[in-house]
Amino acid sequence: MSLMSVAEVAQFLGVQEIRVERLERESLLVAKDKDANGKPLFDMNDVKRYKEFAERIGGI
């Protein structure tokens, strides 16, 4: 399992970091762990699946 930071997910999805944090709060992206600063870390495979799903339903 490869973990991605909020910044990495934001860059991968092409959105702002605040958007990634909101997706996590709304349980649309589920964090697998927290970093030393308490920021969520996401599984790369989950992020890829979310991006594919979001694209199919009209965008992120």
C-alpha atoms as a PDB file:
ATOM      1  CA  MET A   1       0.000   0.000   0.000  1.00  0.00           C
ATOM      2  CA  SER A   2       1.427   3.345  -1.077  1.00  0.00           C
ATOM      3  CA  LEU A   3       0.190   6.343   0.893  1.00  0.00           C
ATOM      4  CA  MET A   4      -0.315   9.805  -0.580  1.00  0.00           C
ATOM      5  CA  SER A   5      -0.387  13.120   1.267  1.00  0.00           C
ATOM      6  CA  VAL A   6      -3.128  15.706   0.850  1.00  0.00           C
ATOM      7  CA  ALA A   7      -0.832  17.718  -1.452  1.00  0.00           C
ATOM      8  CA  GLU A   8      -0.064  14.677  -3.622  1.00  0.00           C
ATOM      9  CA  VAL A   9      -3.742  13.755  -3.917  1.00  0.00           C
ATOM     10  CA  ALA A  10      -4.636  17.348  -4.800  1.00  0.00           C
ATOM     11  CA  GLN A  11      -2.024  17.397  -7.550  1.00  0.00           C
ATOM     12  CA  PHE A  12      -3.115  13.980  -8.874  1.00  0.00           C
ATOM     13  CA  LEU A  13      -6.784  15.007  -8.966  1.00  0.00           C
ATOM     14  CA  GLY A  14      -6.088  18.536 -10.197  1.00  0.00           C
ATOM     15  CA  VAL A  15      -7.881  20.216  -7.283  1.00  0.00           C
ATOM     16  CA  GLN A  16      -6.931  22.390  -4.316  1.00  0.00           C
ATOM     17  CA  GLU A  17      -5.806  20.795  -1.049  1.00  0.00           C
ATOM     18  CA  ILE A  18      -8.867  22.176   0.760  1.00  0.00           C
ATOM     19  CA  ARG A  19     -11.031  20.158  -1.641  1.00  0.00           C
ATOM     20  CA  VAL A  20      -9.188  16.946  -0.738  1.00  0.00           C
ATOM     21  CA  GLU A  21      -9.675  17.658   2.957  1.00  0.00           C
ATOM     22  CA  ARG A  22     -13.396  18.226   2.336  1.00  0.00           C
ATOM     23  CA  LEU A  23     -13.668  14.949   0.405  1.00  0.00           C
ATOM     24  CA  GLU A  24     -12.119  13.216   3.416  1.00  0.00           C
ATOM     25  CA  ARG A  25     -14.469  14.940   5.888  1.00  0.00           C
ATOM     26  CA  GLU A  26     -17.442  13.874   3.764  1.00  0.00           C
ATOM     27  CA  SER A  27     -16.093  10.287   3.587  1.00  0.00           C
ATOM     28  CA  LEU A  28     -15.799  10.383  -0.196  1.00  0.00           C
ATOM     29  CA  LEU A  29     -12.087   9.653   0.173  1.00  0.00           C
ATOM     30  CA  VAL A  30     -11.214   7.594   3.235  1.00  0.00           C
ATOM     31  CA  ALA A  31      -7.883   8.276   4.948  1.00  0.00           C
ATOM     32  CA  LYS A  32      -5.851   5.188   5.838  1.00  0.00           C
ATOM     33  CA  ASP A  33      -3.592   6.964   8.329  1.00  0.00           C
ATOM     34  CA  LYS A  34      -2.489  10.372   9.610  1.00  0.00           C
ATOM     35  CA  ASP A  35       0.910  12.025   9.196  1.00  0.00           C
ATOM     36  CA  ALA A  36       2.949  13.582  12.035  1.00  0.00           C
ATOM     37  CA  ASN A  37       0.925  16.811  11.695  1.00  0.00           C
ATOM     38  CA  GLY A  38      -2.422  15.028  11.869  1.00  0.00           C
ATOM     39  CA  LYS A  39      -3.145  15.421   8.132  1.00  0.00           C
ATOM     40  CA  PRO A  40      -4.801  12.460   6.395  1.00  0.00           C
ATOM     41  CA  LEU A  41      -2.871  10.018   4.225  1.00  0.00           C
ATOM     42  CA  PHE A  42      -4.657   8.164   1.437  1.00  0.00           C
ATOM     43  CA  ASP A  43      -4.059   4.825  -0.291  1.00  0.00           C
ATOM     44  CA  MET A  44      -2.976   5.468  -3.885  1.00  0.00           C
ATOM     45  CA  ASN A  45      -5.307   2.748  -5.222  1.00  0.00           C
ATOM     46  CA  ASP A  46      -8.309   4.333  -3.474  1.00  0.00           C
ATOM     47  CA  VAL A  47      -7.429   7.720  -4.973  1.00  0.00           C
ATOM     48  CA  LYS A  48      -7.148   6.229  -8.468  1.00  0.00           C
ATOM     49  CA  ARG A  49     -10.519   4.482  -8.087  1.00  0.00           C
ATOM     50  CA  TYR A  50     -12.115   7.721  -6.847  1.00  0.00           C
ATOM     51  CA  LYS A  51     -10.725   9.648  -9.832  1.00  0.00           C
ATOM     52  CA  GLU A  52     -12.062   7.058 -12.315  1.00  0.00           C
ATOM     53  CA  PHE A  53     -15.472   7.084 -10.624  1.00  0.00           C
ATOM     54  CA  ALA A  54     -15.637  10.885 -10.491  1.00  0.00           C
ATOM     55  CA  GLU A  55     -14.754  11.153 -14.179  1.00  0.00           C
ATOM     56  CA  ARG A  56     -17.521   8.706 -15.086  1.00  0.00           C
ATOM     57  CA  ILE A  57     -20.158  10.729 -13.243  1.00  0.00           C
ATOM     58  CA  GLY A  58     -19.137  14.092 -14.622  1.00  0.00           C
ATOM     59  CA  GLY A  59     -15.994  15.298 -12.909  1.00  0.00           C
ATOM     60  CA  ILE A  60     -14.422  15.929  -9.573  1.00  0.00           C
END
